[in-house]
Amino acid sequence: MLNDLLRLIPGSLKNKSGQVFYSGRLAFSEQCPIYILGLNPGGSPVLQASETVAWHTNKVLTKEEANWSAYRDESWRRAAPGTHGMQPRVLHLLKRVQRDPGHVPASNVVFMRSDQESDIRGEFKHLASVCWPFHETVIRQLGVRVVVCFGKTAGRWVRQCLEANTLIATYTENNDRKWQSHSYRNQSGVGVAVLTHPGRADWTNSLSDPTGLVVDLLNG
């Protein structure tokens, strides 16, 4: 399986600053009902120019433990592993669905890094298209039943690719901003959860926690 996936990483992106794997060898080698997809790696493609897709892929597959998760095991901005930014929010989701983070495949729709989403807006469709065969293979070969998407842009793309057009449920935050998350299914029964982005919404707060949509999709 891993060899198949490695062949599907676009050659045009291998020397770009970016990242494919947010979990390790175990997660991409065994059946799992959930696949986590952000939009693209954040950070600075200038300051992190040496952290290329090829470099990071080799690091994850040869140097990290087989049971590894960027959300649980990496130190972000020198904080304790798993405690910075959206890390605890993603871990909250995985706790709710009773999954070990190192056994859940996680990646991004686009593998190339950018400072802001707007920086790749003009080439998003092309970048997402060349990365999609990788994701499609993960979903098919690992038996994924629910794709969890961070934010609307990632969610729209995944829904389009999977033809997940049937709205199942909506979650509205119980606060002044009332941000919404939605869940969908396609005709094959694969669910897509389009959640508020955990970089902006605190999923660990009961007033803004959309993760019940994922639980319901898995149990439905």
Protein backbone atom coordinates (compact mmCIF):
# COMPACT_ATOMS: atom_id res chain seq x y z
CA MET A 1 0.00 0.00 0.00
CA LEU A 2 2.69 2.51 0.97
CA ASN A 3 4.62 1.85 -2.23
CA ASP A 4 1.45 2.52 -4.24
CA LEU A 5 0.96 5.81 -2.41
CA LEU A 6 4.56 6.91 -2.85
CA ARG A 7 4.18 6.50 -6.61
CA LEU A 8 1.14 8.80 -6.50
CA ILE A 9 2.94 11.75 -4.89
CA PRO A 10 3.27 14.21 -7.81
CA GLY A 11 6.86 14.50 -9.01
CA SER A 12 6.32 18.21 -9.61
CA LEU A 13 5.76 18.75 -5.87
CA LYS A 14 8.48 16.56 -4.37
CA ASN A 15 11.02 19.38 -4.21
CA LYS A 16 8.49 21.97 -3.04
CA SER A 17 8.19 22.96 0.61
CA GLY A 18 5.36 20.84 1.94
CA GLN A 19 4.15 17.66 3.56
CA VAL A 20 2.08 14.61 2.64
CA PHE A 21 1.94 12.49 5.78
CA TYR A 22 0.51 13.75 9.07
CA SER A 23 0.47 10.21 10.44
CA GLY A 24 2.91 7.37 10.03
CA ARG A 25 3.34 3.98 8.47
CA LEU A 26 0.69 2.16 10.48
CA ALA A 27 -2.03 4.62 9.59
CA PHE A 28 -1.44 4.25 5.87
CA SER A 29 -1.04 0.47 5.94
CA GLU A 30 -4.22 -0.79 7.62
CA GLN A 31 -7.97 -0.44 7.27
CA CYS A 32 -9.43 2.65 8.93
CA PRO A 33 -12.93 4.16 8.67
CA ILE A 34 -11.68 7.78 8.95
CA TYR A 35 -9.41 9.92 6.80
CA ILE A 36 -8.45 13.44 7.95
CA LEU A 37 -7.76 16.13 5.34
CA GLY A 38 -6.72 19.71 5.86
CA LEU A 39 -6.31 22.14 2.97
CA ASN A 40 -2.51 22.41 2.73
CA PRO A 41 0.47 22.64 5.10
CA GLY A 42 0.86 25.99 6.80
CA GLY A 43 4.06 27.82 7.63
CA SER A 44 6.58 29.65 5.47
CA PRO A 45 7.70 28.12 2.17
CA VAL A 46 10.70 30.49 2.35
CA LEU A 47 11.85 29.80 5.91
CA GLN A 48 10.99 26.11 5.50
CA ALA A 49 12.34 25.74 1.97
CA SER A 50 14.49 22.78 2.99
CA GLU A 51 11.45 20.93 4.40
CA THR A 52 10.39 19.58 1.05
CA VAL A 53 7.71 17.01 0.34
CA ALA A 54 10.41 14.43 -0.47
CA TRP A 55 12.44 15.23 2.66
CA HIS A 56 9.42 15.06 4.97
CA THR A 57 8.10 11.87 3.39
CA ASN A 58 11.45 10.16 3.95
CA LYS A 59 11.53 11.45 7.53
CA VAL A 60 8.10 10.06 8.38
CA LEU A 61 8.55 6.70 6.69
CA THR A 62 12.12 5.94 7.78
CA LYS A 63 12.88 7.92 10.94
CA GLU A 64 9.58 8.26 12.87
CA GLU A 65 7.91 5.44 14.77
CA ALA A 66 5.34 3.42 12.81
CA ASN A 67 2.69 4.67 15.25
CA TRP A 68 3.24 8.41 14.78
CA SER A 69 0.98 11.42 14.49
CA ALA A 70 1.92 15.03 13.79
CA TYR A 71 -1.04 16.05 15.92
CA ARG A 72 0.08 14.02 18.93
CA ASP A 73 3.85 13.63 18.67
CA GLU A 74 5.27 16.79 17.09
CA SER A 75 6.29 19.89 19.00
CA TRP A 76 4.77 22.88 17.24
CA ARG A 77 6.29 26.28 17.98
CA ARG A 78 8.36 24.73 20.79
CA ALA A 79 5.26 23.76 22.78
CA ALA A 80 4.88 20.34 24.34
CA PRO A 81 3.91 17.73 21.72
CA GLY A 82 0.21 17.71 20.98
CA THR A 83 -0.60 20.93 22.84
CA HIS A 84 -0.25 23.76 20.31
CA GLY A 85 -2.92 25.33 18.11
CA MET A 86 -5.19 22.81 16.48
CA GLN A 87 -3.33 19.76 17.81
CA PRO A 88 -5.51 19.31 20.94
CA ARG A 89 -8.63 19.93 18.87
CA VAL A 90 -7.82 17.16 16.41
CA LEU A 91 -6.90 14.89 19.32
CA HIS A 92 -10.30 15.70 20.85
CA LEU A 93 -12.00 14.50 17.66
CA LEU A 94 -10.00 11.27 17.64
CA LYS A 95 -10.80 10.66 21.31
CA ARG A 96 -14.51 11.07 20.56
CA VAL A 97 -14.35 8.45 17.82
CA GLN A 98 -12.12 6.23 19.99
CA ARG A 99 -9.19 6.11 17.59
CA ASP A 100 -5.45 6.10 18.24
CA PRO A 101 -4.02 9.09 16.32
CA GLY A 102 -1.18 6.94 15.01
CA HIS A 103 -3.66 4.59 13.37
CA VAL A 104 -5.71 7.26 11.55
CA PRO A 105 -4.45 8.44 8.13
CA ALA A 106 -4.14 12.21 7.90
CA SER A 107 -2.95 14.51 5.12
CA ASN A 108 -3.92 17.65 3.18
CA VAL A 109 -5.84 18.13 -0.06
CA VAL A 110 -2.76 19.95 -1.42
CA PHE A 111 0.74 18.88 -0.39
CA MET A 112 2.52 22.20 -1.07
CA ARG A 113 3.03 24.67 1.79
CA SER A 114 1.83 28.27 1.83
CA ASP A 115 1.63 31.10 4.36
CA GLN A 116 -2.05 31.70 3.64
CA GLU A 117 -4.83 29.90 1.78
CA SER A 118 -5.04 32.90 -0.56
CA ASP A 119 -1.44 32.28 -1.69
CA ILE A 120 -2.49 29.14 -3.61
CA ARG A 121 -5.95 30.27 -4.68
CA GLY A 122 -4.98 30.79 -8.31
CA GLU A 123 -3.44 27.32 -8.66
CA PHE A 124 -5.58 25.44 -6.16
CA LYS A 125 -7.59 23.49 -8.71
CA HIS A 126 -4.46 22.26 -10.48
CA LEU A 127 -2.66 21.39 -7.25
CA ALA A 128 -5.68 19.62 -5.80
CA SER A 129 -6.19 17.68 -9.03
CA VAL A 130 -2.65 16.30 -9.13
CA CYS A 131 -2.83 15.31 -5.45
CA TRP A 132 -6.27 13.71 -5.64
CA PRO A 133 -5.18 10.27 -6.98
CA PHE A 134 -3.24 9.81 -3.73
CA HIS A 135 -6.31 10.59 -1.63
CA GLU A 136 -8.65 8.54 -3.78
CA THR A 137 -6.37 5.53 -3.33
CA VAL A 138 -6.26 5.99 0.45
CA ILE A 139 -10.06 6.16 0.61
CA ARG A 140 -10.54 3.11 -1.60
CA GLN A 141 -7.80 0.82 -0.31
CA LEU A 142 -8.11 1.58 3.40
CA GLY A 143 -11.89 1.25 3.44
CA VAL A 144 -12.49 4.84 4.54
CA ARG A 145 -16.15 5.55 5.34
CA VAL A 146 -15.84 9.15 6.54
CA VAL A 147 -13.51 11.89 5.26
CA VAL A 148 -13.09 14.69 7.80
CA CYS A 149 -12.31 18.04 6.13
CA PHE A 150 -10.91 21.13 7.84
CA GLY A 151 -12.79 24.14 6.51
CA LYS A 152 -15.00 24.92 3.54
CA THR A 153 -12.41 24.96 0.74
CA ALA A 154 -11.12 21.48 1.52
CA GLY A 155 -14.67 20.29 2.08
CA ARG A 156 -15.98 21.59 -1.23
CA TRP A 157 -13.20 19.89 -3.15
CA VAL A 158 -13.59 16.53 -1.42
CA ARG A 159 -17.37 16.61 -1.78
CA GLN A 160 -17.02 17.37 -5.49
CA CYS A 161 -14.54 14.54 -6.04
CA LEU A 162 -16.62 12.02 -4.11
CA GLU A 163 -19.96 13.36 -5.36
CA ALA A 164 -21.14 13.65 -1.77
CA ASN A 165 -24.22 15.77 -2.40
CA THR A 166 -26.75 14.49 0.13
CA LEU A 167 -26.85 16.71 3.21
CA ILE A 168 -27.14 14.59 6.35
CA ALA A 169 -26.87 17.07 9.22
CA THR A 170 -25.81 20.59 10.21
CA TYR A 171 -24.15 21.72 13.42
CA THR A 172 -24.36 25.39 14.43
CA GLU A 173 -22.09 26.76 17.13
CA ASN A 174 -23.88 27.88 20.29
CA ASN A 175 -22.24 31.32 20.38
CA ASP A 176 -22.59 34.74 18.81
CA ARG A 177 -20.82 33.88 15.53
CA LYS A 178 -22.94 30.76 14.79
CA TRP A 179 -20.42 29.13 12.48
CA GLN A 180 -21.76 26.00 10.84
CA SER A 181 -20.41 22.55 9.99
CA HIS A 182 -22.15 20.03 7.73
CA SER A 183 -22.10 16.33 6.96
CA TYR A 184 -22.89 14.69 3.62
CA ARG A 185 -22.96 11.26 1.97
CA ASN A 186 -22.53 10.04 -1.56
CA GLN A 187 -24.47 7.27 -3.27
CA SER A 188 -21.88 4.70 -2.17
CA GLY A 189 -22.37 5.64 1.47
CA VAL A 190 -19.07 7.46 1.98
CA GLY A 191 -19.51 10.41 4.32
CA VAL A 192 -17.82 13.79 4.19
CA ALA A 193 -17.75 15.97 7.30
CA VAL A 194 -17.03 19.61 6.44
CA LEU A 195 -16.07 21.04 9.81
CA THR A 196 -15.05 24.48 10.98
CA HIS A 197 -11.28 24.77 10.70
CA PRO A 198 -9.64 23.69 13.99
CA GLY A 199 -7.06 26.41 13.50
CA ARG A 200 -9.84 28.90 14.17
CA ALA A 201 -12.61 27.05 16.00
CA ASP A 202 -12.00 25.46 19.40
CA TRP A 203 -13.47 21.98 19.09
CA THR A 204 -12.63 21.28 22.74
CA ASN A 205 -15.21 23.90 23.77
CA SER A 206 -18.68 22.35 24.02
CA LEU A 207 -20.18 25.53 22.50
CA SER A 208 -18.19 25.13 19.26
CA ASP A 209 -17.63 21.39 18.95
CA PRO A 210 -18.76 19.94 15.58
CA THR A 211 -17.22 16.51 16.09
CA GLY A 212 -20.61 14.92 16.81
CA LEU A 213 -21.20 15.05 13.05
CA VAL A 214 -18.30 12.64 12.57
CA VAL A 215 -19.55 10.33 15.31
CA ASP A 216 -22.99 10.23 13.71
CA LEU A 217 -21.61 9.55 10.23
CA LEU A 218 -19.60 6.63 11.56
CA ASN A 219 -22.58 5.23 13.43
CA GLY A 220 -25.12 5.89 10.68
